[in-house]
Each structure stands twice: as structure tokens, then as C-alpha cells.
Amino acid sequence: MIHTRRAFDPRSIKLVIFDLDGTLIDSRLDLVHSVNAALRHIGRTELPDDVIASYVGDGAPVLIQRALGGEATNEALARQGLQFFLSYYREHKLDHTTVYAGIHEALSAIQNSYQIPNGHGRTESKGISRQMAVLTNKPVVPSRAIVEALGLGPFFAQVYGGNSFATKKPDPEGARKLLDEHGVRPEETTIVGDSHVDVETGRSAGLWTVGVSYGFAPHTLQASPPDVLVDKPHELAKVFA
């Protein structure tokens, strides 16, 4: 189901920016396994899958810090855990990770066409070419490797990660860079993601926001509601039709 708080005209959208984990790909198990491997490595107790999944979204350093208990974490231990996590995840990032069912079809529809009334009670598909990009807080090297390995590369002009810029989402630096690179205005751009981080990024940059409730952190969208919320991946195509 599609839930609309503030509607935008899809025909005006020239750039769509996507989050990666929990939005395009289900990377839950590989992230969970990598975090628990890091915890074992530094002598800490493993955490439940759901707990670790709820920590995803703000980048690897914050993920490990949360897994170790938050702000009071020993810095040396956190660095050791982070280094092991990154090394382990590089090797295991595609063990279980898959593209959500319906995403390939939705991306193709979003990129290439929209529907308009033809004046005879029906709609016609009018070809346009929207630009699309990925902006994730995951490190950029594994992000690009995953996008390519799972067949998503042809859809995206850019894939930027959490270490591509001096700041991460929800800071709007990455989003603004994409606006500049594509020569589009904020009101011609939508960001799509599964957490409050993406919604807050969009708001800070003046973008339209689309949330997905099938991802890792749908509970965070309650406090930061997007302009449009979809429950299933295939519904993304309808938002931009």
C-alpha cells in the first residue's frame, strides 16, 4: 500500500537518490554475521539478529559502537572491532545478500517512463530518462561491489558511500553533491530510504522523501514521516508513474 502525506508530481522528478541496505538490498544476514564475528573476535557476547539490524543505517563505526553498548565504549576496543568487522564483511558481503524482489522492475520503470492521461480515459507511457544514484552510509568500496555483483550497476550514474564525503547522512553534503553533478534543483529530486536518516537527509537538502516500510528500520519513520511511504518494493514504480 502507498501512504501519501504530501504528494509530488512524478513528471517533475529528474533525479532519484536511493539508500542501499534495507531499500534496494536485503543485506541483513551478512551484516548480522559480520557484527557478531567482530564481537566474538574481541571477546564480547553476540547479539540477536533483530538488535543488530536495528543498529544499521548510520555507517560502520556507529554500528560497531552501538553493538558495543553506545557512547561509553572503550575507543581502542571499538577500533579493533571496527577493523575486524570491515575485513570480515569485505569477504562475506555477498554470502546471503540479495536484491529485494521487485526492485529491478521498479528501477527500470522509474528510470525510463511515466504514465500520463491520453484524453480517452486511459494512460500512455511517455518515455523520459530519469537519473538515479545511490547514497549510502556503508563504505563506498563494498557498496559499489555489491551494486555491480547484484546487477544494479547499469541503473545508477553514481554510487556514493559513507566515506565518499567528509560527512555522512543525514548531513546533506552527499545529496547536494549529486544535485550539482546532475544539474537539478532540490524540488526535482527525491530520496528513497528505509529510515529516518534518509528522510532527514532529504529534508535538509530540500528534497522530496519516499520511505519504505519493508526495510531494517521502519519504526524510525514514525518520528520522521516521509512524504510518501510504500510497503512493498514493487510499489516504488507506482509512486513515480
C-alpha atoms as a PDB file:
ATOM      1  CA  MET A   1       0.000   0.000   0.000  1.00  0.00           C
ATOM      2  CA  ILE A   2       1.115   3.562  -0.718  1.00  0.00           C
ATOM      3  CA  HIS A   3       0.572   6.167   2.009  1.00  0.00           C
ATOM      4  CA  THR A   4       0.830   9.804   0.929  1.00  0.00           C
ATOM      5  CA  ARG A   5       1.304  12.736   3.311  1.00  0.00           C
ATOM      6  CA  ARG A   6       2.495  15.264   0.753  1.00  0.00           C
ATOM      7  CA  ALA A   7       2.116  14.476  -2.931  1.00  0.00           C
ATOM      8  CA  PHE A   8       4.605  15.446  -5.609  1.00  0.00           C
ATOM      9  CA  ASP A   9       4.247  15.446  -9.382  1.00  0.00           C
ATOM     10  CA  PRO A  10       6.307  12.484 -10.633  1.00  0.00           C
ATOM     11  CA  ARG A  11       6.725  14.175 -14.003  1.00  0.00           C
ATOM     12  CA  SER A  12       8.797  16.878 -12.308  1.00  0.00           C
ATOM     13  CA  ILE A  13      11.297  14.421 -10.808  1.00  0.00           C
ATOM     14  CA  LYS A  14      14.584  14.263 -12.722  1.00  0.00           C
ATOM     15  CA  LEU A  15      16.809  12.581 -10.109  1.00  0.00           C
ATOM     16  CA  VAL A  16      16.031   9.773  -7.654  1.00  0.00           C
ATOM     17  CA  ILE A  17      18.572   9.033  -4.903  1.00  0.00           C
ATOM     18  CA  PHE A  18      18.371   5.619  -3.245  1.00  0.00           C
ATOM     19  CA  ASP A  19      19.648   4.288   0.038  1.00  0.00           C
ATOM     20  CA  LEU A  20      21.148   0.792  -0.278  1.00  0.00           C
ATOM     21  CA  ASP A  21      20.728  -1.501   2.750  1.00  0.00           C
ATOM     22  CA  GLY A  22      17.072  -2.130   3.576  1.00  0.00           C
ATOM     23  CA  THR A  23      15.947  -0.211   0.494  1.00  0.00           C
ATOM     24  CA  LEU A  24      17.409  -1.893  -2.582  1.00  0.00           C
ATOM     25  CA  ILE A  25      19.075  -4.903  -0.990  1.00  0.00           C
ATOM     26  CA  ASP A  26      18.391  -7.264   1.889  1.00  0.00           C
ATOM     27  CA  SER A  27      21.849  -7.408   3.457  1.00  0.00           C
ATOM     28  CA  ARG A  28      20.592  -8.178   6.938  1.00  0.00           C
ATOM     29  CA  LEU A  29      22.186 -11.597   7.447  1.00  0.00           C
ATOM     30  CA  ASP A  30      25.619 -10.630   6.151  1.00  0.00           C
ATOM     31  CA  LEU A  31      25.692  -7.550   8.368  1.00  0.00           C
ATOM     32  CA  VAL A  32      24.487  -9.526  11.395  1.00  0.00           C
ATOM     33  CA  HIS A  33      27.058 -12.265  10.850  1.00  0.00           C
ATOM     34  CA  SER A  34      29.847  -9.728  10.373  1.00  0.00           C
ATOM     35  CA  VAL A  35      28.981  -7.810  13.542  1.00  0.00           C
ATOM     36  CA  ASN A  36      28.762 -10.982  15.596  1.00  0.00           C
ATOM     37  CA  ALA A  37      32.071 -12.188  14.152  1.00  0.00           C
ATOM     38  CA  ALA A  38      33.644  -8.915  15.292  1.00  0.00           C
ATOM     39  CA  LEU A  39      32.094  -9.272  18.751  1.00  0.00           C
ATOM     40  CA  ARG A  40      33.475 -12.793  19.070  1.00  0.00           C
ATOM     41  CA  HIS A  41      36.881 -11.574  17.926  1.00  0.00           C
ATOM     42  CA  ILE A  42      37.110  -9.009  20.719  1.00  0.00           C
ATOM     43  CA  GLY A  43      35.621 -11.294  23.352  1.00  0.00           C
ATOM     44  CA  ARG A  44      32.143  -9.833  23.539  1.00  0.00           C
ATOM     45  CA  THR A  45      28.808 -11.657  23.583  1.00  0.00           C
ATOM     46  CA  GLU A  46      26.942 -11.999  20.295  1.00  0.00           C
ATOM     47  CA  LEU A  47      23.716 -10.055  19.807  1.00  0.00           C
ATOM     48  CA  PRO A  48      20.323 -11.125  18.399  1.00  0.00           C
ATOM     49  CA  ASP A  49      19.742 -10.553  14.695  1.00  0.00           C
ATOM     50  CA  ASP A  50      16.932  -8.050  15.218  1.00  0.00           C
ATOM     51  CA  VAL A  51      19.015  -5.950  17.583  1.00  0.00           C
ATOM     52  CA  ILE A  52      21.906  -5.665  15.143  1.00  0.00           C
ATOM     53  CA  ALA A  53      19.575  -4.905  12.233  1.00  0.00           C
ATOM     54  CA  SER A  54      18.091  -2.029  14.231  1.00  0.00           C
ATOM     55  CA  TYR A  55      21.584  -0.522  14.547  1.00  0.00           C
ATOM     56  CA  VAL A  56      22.162  -0.318  10.770  1.00  0.00           C
ATOM     57  CA  GLY A  57      21.911   2.980   8.902  1.00  0.00           C
ATOM     58  CA  ASP A  58      24.479   5.401  10.287  1.00  0.00           C
ATOM     59  CA  GLY A  59      27.645   3.792   8.981  1.00  0.00           C
ATOM     60  CA  ALA A  60      30.029   1.073  10.149  1.00  0.00           C
ATOM     61  CA  PRO A  61      31.695   2.990  13.031  1.00  0.00           C
ATOM     62  CA  VAL A  62      28.337   3.793  14.622  1.00  0.00           C
ATOM     63  CA  LEU A  63      27.105   0.242  14.009  1.00  0.00           C
ATOM     64  CA  ILE A  64      30.038  -1.213  15.952  1.00  0.00           C
ATOM     65  CA  GLN A  65      29.778   1.415  18.666  1.00  0.00           C
ATOM     66  CA  ARG A  66      26.129   0.560  19.189  1.00  0.00           C
ATOM     67  CA  ALA A  67      26.909  -3.163  19.236  1.00  0.00           C
ATOM     68  CA  LEU A  68      29.437  -2.473  21.990  1.00  0.00           C
ATOM     69  CA  GLY A  69      26.992  -0.553  24.140  1.00  0.00           C
ATOM     70  CA  GLY A  70      26.982   3.006  22.955  1.00  0.00           C
ATOM     71  CA  GLU A  71      28.758   6.182  23.991  1.00  0.00           C
ATOM     72  CA  ALA A  72      30.736   4.657  26.874  1.00  0.00           C
ATOM     73  CA  THR A  73      32.516   2.207  24.559  1.00  0.00           C
ATOM     74  CA  ASN A  74      36.264   1.758  25.001  1.00  0.00           C
ATOM     75  CA  GLU A  75      37.769   3.521  21.966  1.00  0.00           C
ATOM     76  CA  ALA A  76      40.597   1.050  21.435  1.00  0.00           C
ATOM     77  CA  LEU A  77      38.184  -1.874  21.619  1.00  0.00           C
ATOM     78  CA  ALA A  78      35.811  -0.141  19.212  1.00  0.00           C
ATOM     79  CA  ARG A  79      38.629   0.427  16.700  1.00  0.00           C
ATOM     80  CA  GLN A  80      39.664  -3.215  16.956  1.00  0.00           C
ATOM     81  CA  GLY A  81      36.082  -4.347  16.471  1.00  0.00           C
ATOM     82  CA  LEU A  82      35.572  -1.995  13.521  1.00  0.00           C
ATOM     83  CA  GLN A  83      38.719  -3.153  11.750  1.00  0.00           C
ATOM     84  CA  PHE A  84      37.724  -6.789  12.105  1.00  0.00           C
ATOM     85  CA  PHE A  85      34.138  -6.059  11.041  1.00  0.00           C
ATOM     86  CA  LEU A  86      35.270  -4.278   7.865  1.00  0.00           C
ATOM     87  CA  SER A  87      37.722  -7.033   6.997  1.00  0.00           C
ATOM     88  CA  TYR A  88      35.186  -9.805   7.632  1.00  0.00           C
ATOM     89  CA  TYR A  89      32.407  -8.002   5.787  1.00  0.00           C
ATOM     90  CA  ARG A  90      34.592  -7.458   2.708  1.00  0.00           C
ATOM     91  CA  GLU A  91      34.917 -11.227   2.411  1.00  0.00           C
ATOM     92  CA  HIS A  92      31.311 -12.132   3.279  1.00  0.00           C
ATOM     93  CA  LYS A  93      29.256  -9.209   1.917  1.00  0.00           C
ATOM     94  CA  LEU A  94      27.560 -11.381  -0.702  1.00  0.00           C
ATOM     95  CA  ASP A  95      27.083 -14.624   1.228  1.00  0.00           C
ATOM     96  CA  HIS A  96      23.356 -14.041   1.721  1.00  0.00           C
ATOM     97  CA  THR A  97      22.670 -10.539   0.372  1.00  0.00           C
ATOM     98  CA  THR A  98      20.020 -10.281  -2.345  1.00  0.00           C
ATOM     99  CA  VAL A  99      18.085  -7.615  -4.195  1.00  0.00           C
ATOM    100  CA  TYR A 100      14.541  -7.276  -2.858  1.00  0.00           C
ATOM    101  CA  ALA A 101      12.006  -8.909  -5.149  1.00  0.00           C
ATOM    102  CA  GLY A 102      10.514  -6.299  -7.463  1.00  0.00           C
ATOM    103  CA  ILE A 103      13.398  -3.813  -7.240  1.00  0.00           C
ATOM    104  CA  HIS A 104      14.886  -4.474 -10.683  1.00  0.00           C
ATOM    105  CA  GLU A 105      11.492  -3.951 -12.319  1.00  0.00           C
ATOM    106  CA  ALA A 106      10.766  -0.861 -10.234  1.00  0.00           C
ATOM    107  CA  LEU A 107      14.118   0.734 -11.093  1.00  0.00           C
ATOM    108  CA  SER A 108      13.564   0.115 -14.785  1.00  0.00           C
ATOM    109  CA  ALA A 109      10.125   1.707 -14.645  1.00  0.00           C
ATOM    110  CA  ILE A 110      11.315   4.686 -12.588  1.00  0.00           C
ATOM    111  CA  GLN A 111      14.249   5.324 -14.875  1.00  0.00           C
ATOM    112  CA  ASN A 112      12.539   5.126 -18.220  1.00  0.00           C
ATOM    113  CA  SER A 113       8.904   6.235 -18.215  1.00  0.00           C
ATOM    114  CA  TYR A 114       5.894   7.708 -16.542  1.00  0.00           C
ATOM    115  CA  GLN A 115       2.164   7.420 -17.201  1.00  0.00           C
ATOM    116  CA  ILE A 116       0.003  10.336 -18.331  1.00  0.00           C
ATOM    117  CA  PRO A 117      -3.703  10.534 -19.315  1.00  0.00           C
ATOM    118  CA  ASN A 118      -4.236  10.301 -23.076  1.00  0.00           C
ATOM    119  CA  GLY A 119      -7.585  12.073 -23.017  1.00  0.00           C
ATOM    120  CA  HIS A 120      -9.549   8.898 -23.780  1.00  0.00           C
ATOM    121  CA  GLY A 121      -9.896   7.523 -20.262  1.00  0.00           C
ATOM    122  CA  ARG A 122      -6.634   5.626 -20.460  1.00  0.00           C
ATOM    123  CA  THR A 123      -2.967   6.296 -19.764  1.00  0.00           C
ATOM    124  CA  GLU A 124       0.045   6.173 -22.001  1.00  0.00           C
ATOM    125  CA  SER A 125       3.678   5.566 -21.146  1.00  0.00           C
ATOM    126  CA  LYS A 126       5.770   8.562 -22.147  1.00  0.00           C
ATOM    127  CA  GLY A 127       9.483   7.985 -22.350  1.00  0.00           C
ATOM    128  CA  ILE A 128      11.721  10.096 -20.153  1.00  0.00           C
ATOM    129  CA  SER A 129      15.140   9.394 -18.751  1.00  0.00           C
ATOM    130  CA  ARG A 130      15.435   9.971 -15.038  1.00  0.00           C
ATOM    131  CA  GLN A 131      18.862   9.864 -13.480  1.00  0.00           C
ATOM    132  CA  MET A 132      19.353   7.639 -10.436  1.00  0.00           C
ATOM    133  CA  ALA A 133      22.102   7.360  -7.840  1.00  0.00           C
ATOM    134  CA  VAL A 134      22.909   5.522  -4.619  1.00  0.00           C
ATOM    135  CA  LEU A 135      23.817   7.407  -1.446  1.00  0.00           C
ATOM    136  CA  THR A 136      24.531   5.055   1.457  1.00  0.00           C
ATOM    137  CA  ASN A 137      26.364   5.279   4.765  1.00  0.00           C
ATOM    138  CA  LYS A 138      28.021   1.908   4.038  1.00  0.00           C
ATOM    139  CA  PRO A 139      31.687   2.267   2.961  1.00  0.00           C
ATOM    140  CA  VAL A 140      31.882   3.013  -0.740  1.00  0.00           C
ATOM    141  CA  VAL A 141      34.097   0.118  -1.915  1.00  0.00           C
ATOM    142  CA  PRO A 142      31.828  -2.724  -0.710  1.00  0.00           C
ATOM    143  CA  SER A 143      28.773  -0.695  -1.725  1.00  0.00           C
ATOM    144  CA  ARG A 144      29.923  -0.436  -5.323  1.00  0.00           C
ATOM    145  CA  ALA A 145      30.995  -4.077  -5.369  1.00  0.00           C
ATOM    146  CA  ILE A 146      27.561  -5.186  -4.146  1.00  0.00           C
ATOM    147  CA  VAL A 147      25.707  -2.966  -6.624  1.00  0.00           C
ATOM    148  CA  GLU A 148      27.729  -4.388  -9.513  1.00  0.00           C
ATOM    149  CA  ALA A 149      27.597  -8.018  -8.353  1.00  0.00           C
ATOM    150  CA  LEU A 150      23.813  -7.943  -7.970  1.00  0.00           C
ATOM    151  CA  GLY A 151      23.192  -6.436 -11.407  1.00  0.00           C
ATOM    152  CA  LEU A 152      22.157  -2.984 -10.234  1.00  0.00           C
ATOM    153  CA  GLY A 153      25.107  -1.085 -11.695  1.00  0.00           C
ATOM    154  CA  PRO A 154      23.507  -0.125 -15.037  1.00  0.00           C
ATOM    155  CA  PHE A 155      20.752   1.776 -13.233  1.00  0.00           C
ATOM    156  CA  PHE A 156      22.976   4.218 -11.349  1.00  0.00           C
ATOM    157  CA  ALA A 157      25.126   7.094 -12.534  1.00  0.00           C
ATOM    158  CA  GLN A 158      26.893   7.245  -9.156  1.00  0.00           C
ATOM    159  CA  VAL A 159      27.268   5.128  -6.046  1.00  0.00           C
ATOM    160  CA  TYR A 160      28.498   7.140  -3.066  1.00  0.00           C
ATOM    161  CA  GLY A 161      29.240   5.693   0.355  1.00  0.00           C
ATOM    162  CA  GLY A 162      29.690   6.830   3.913  1.00  0.00           C
ATOM    163  CA  ASN A 163      33.352   7.609   3.323  1.00  0.00           C
ATOM    164  CA  SER A 164      32.870   9.407  -0.005  1.00  0.00           C
ATOM    165  CA  PHE A 165      32.476  12.760   1.737  1.00  0.00           C
ATOM    166  CA  ALA A 166      33.583  14.423   4.949  1.00  0.00           C
ATOM    167  CA  THR A 167      30.138  13.809   6.438  1.00  0.00           C
ATOM    168  CA  LYS A 168      27.516  11.052   6.303  1.00  0.00           C
ATOM    169  CA  LYS A 169      23.752  11.138   6.020  1.00  0.00           C
ATOM    170  CA  PRO A 170      21.713  12.816   7.477  1.00  0.00           C
ATOM    171  CA  ASP A 171      24.130  15.628   6.647  1.00  0.00           C
ATOM    172  CA  PRO A 172      23.022  16.811   3.177  1.00  0.00           C
ATOM    173  CA  GLU A 173      26.555  17.091   1.729  1.00  0.00           C
ATOM    174  CA  GLY A 174      26.279  13.948  -0.404  1.00  0.00           C
ATOM    175  CA  ALA A 175      22.796  14.802  -1.637  1.00  0.00           C
ATOM    176  CA  ARG A 176      23.867  18.327  -2.581  1.00  0.00           C
ATOM    177  CA  LYS A 177      26.855  16.949  -4.465  1.00  0.00           C
ATOM    178  CA  LEU A 178      24.505  14.777  -6.510  1.00  0.00           C
ATOM    179  CA  LEU A 179      22.262  17.764  -7.255  1.00  0.00           C
ATOM    180  CA  ASP A 180      25.289  19.691  -8.527  1.00  0.00           C
ATOM    181  CA  GLU A 181      26.559  16.790 -10.617  1.00  0.00           C
ATOM    182  CA  HIS A 182      23.203  16.286 -12.299  1.00  0.00           C
ATOM    183  CA  GLY A 183      22.322  19.954 -12.628  1.00  0.00           C
ATOM    184  CA  VAL A 184      18.915  19.547 -10.972  1.00  0.00           C
ATOM    185  CA  ARG A 185      17.054  21.526  -8.344  1.00  0.00           C
ATOM    186  CA  PRO A 186      16.035  20.088  -4.957  1.00  0.00           C
ATOM    187  CA  GLU A 187      12.351  20.171  -5.923  1.00  0.00           C
ATOM    188  CA  GLU A 188      13.193  17.972  -8.933  1.00  0.00           C
ATOM    189  CA  THR A 189      14.773  15.301  -6.730  1.00  0.00           C
ATOM    190  CA  THR A 190      13.506  12.509  -4.479  1.00  0.00           C
ATOM    191  CA  ILE A 191      15.413  10.444  -1.932  1.00  0.00           C
ATOM    192  CA  VAL A 192      14.204   6.907  -1.141  1.00  0.00           C
ATOM    193  CA  GLY A 193      15.165   5.065   2.038  1.00  0.00           C
ATOM    194  CA  ASP A 194      14.104   2.844   4.902  1.00  0.00           C
ATOM    195  CA  SER A 195      14.949   5.018   7.911  1.00  0.00           C
ATOM    196  CA  HIS A 196      14.738   8.456   9.478  1.00  0.00           C
ATOM    197  CA  VAL A 197      18.316   9.053   8.308  1.00  0.00           C
ATOM    198  CA  ASP A 198      17.162   9.241   4.688  1.00  0.00           C
ATOM    199  CA  VAL A 199      14.119  11.368   5.479  1.00  0.00           C
ATOM    200  CA  GLU A 200      16.217  13.832   7.474  1.00  0.00           C
ATOM    201  CA  THR A 201      18.797  13.939   4.682  1.00  0.00           C
ATOM    202  CA  GLY A 202      16.064  14.792   2.217  1.00  0.00           C
ATOM    203  CA  ARG A 203      14.569  17.467   4.414  1.00  0.00           C
ATOM    204  CA  SER A 204      17.948  19.093   4.993  1.00  0.00           C
ATOM    205  CA  ALA A 205      18.599  19.211   1.246  1.00  0.00           C
ATOM    206  CA  GLY A 206      15.059  20.303   0.326  1.00  0.00           C
ATOM    207  CA  LEU A 207      14.211  17.056  -1.484  1.00  0.00           C
ATOM    208  CA  TRP A 208      11.020  15.046  -1.697  1.00  0.00           C
ATOM    209  CA  THR A 209      11.174  11.952   0.506  1.00  0.00           C
ATOM    210  CA  VAL A 210       9.924   8.395  -0.016  1.00  0.00           C
ATOM    211  CA  GLY A 211      10.143   5.858   2.807  1.00  0.00           C
ATOM    212  CA  VAL A 212       9.942   2.078   2.561  1.00  0.00           C
ATOM    213  CA  SER A 213       8.445   0.073   5.407  1.00  0.00           C
ATOM    214  CA  TYR A 214       9.898  -3.288   4.319  1.00  0.00           C
ATOM    215  CA  GLY A 215      13.455  -2.374   5.356  1.00  0.00           C
ATOM    216  CA  PHE A 216      15.541  -2.522   8.518  1.00  0.00           C
ATOM    217  CA  ALA A 217      14.253   0.483  10.462  1.00  0.00           C
ATOM    218  CA  PRO A 218      10.582   1.202   9.675  1.00  0.00           C
ATOM    219  CA  HIS A 219       9.966   2.156  13.308  1.00  0.00           C
ATOM    220  CA  THR A 220      12.182   5.239  12.848  1.00  0.00           C
ATOM    221  CA  LEU A 221       9.860   6.564  10.128  1.00  0.00           C
ATOM    222  CA  GLN A 222       7.145   7.161  12.711  1.00  0.00           C
ATOM    223  CA  ALA A 223       9.058  10.061  14.236  1.00  0.00           C
ATOM    224  CA  SER A 224      10.315  11.272  10.838  1.00  0.00           C
ATOM    225  CA  PRO A 225       7.490  10.531   8.417  1.00  0.00           C
ATOM    226  CA  PRO A 226       8.346  10.768   4.709  1.00  0.00           C
ATOM    227  CA  ASP A 227       6.208  12.499   2.105  1.00  0.00           C
ATOM    228  CA  VAL A 228       5.257   9.083   0.714  1.00  0.00           C
ATOM    229  CA  LEU A 229       5.541   5.648   2.342  1.00  0.00           C
ATOM    230  CA  VAL A 230       5.417   2.341   0.455  1.00  0.00           C
ATOM    231  CA  ASP A 231       5.035  -1.121   1.938  1.00  0.00           C
ATOM    232  CA  LYS A 232       6.349  -3.228  -0.960  1.00  0.00           C
ATOM    233  CA  PRO A 233       9.314  -2.758  -3.335  1.00  0.00           C
ATOM    234  CA  HIS A 234       7.212  -3.001  -6.500  1.00  0.00           C
ATOM    235  CA  GLU A 235       5.086  -0.069  -5.305  1.00  0.00           C
ATOM    236  CA  LEU A 236       8.013   2.284  -5.860  1.00  0.00           C
ATOM    237  CA  ALA A 237       7.260   2.201  -9.585  1.00  0.00           C
ATOM    238  CA  LYS A 238       3.719   3.454  -8.934  1.00  0.00           C
ATOM    239  CA  VAL A 239       4.995   6.425  -6.913  1.00  0.00           C
ATOM    240  CA  PHE A 240       6.883   7.707  -9.951  1.00  0.00           C
ATOM    241  CA  ALA A 241       4.331   6.725 -12.614  1.00  0.00           C
END
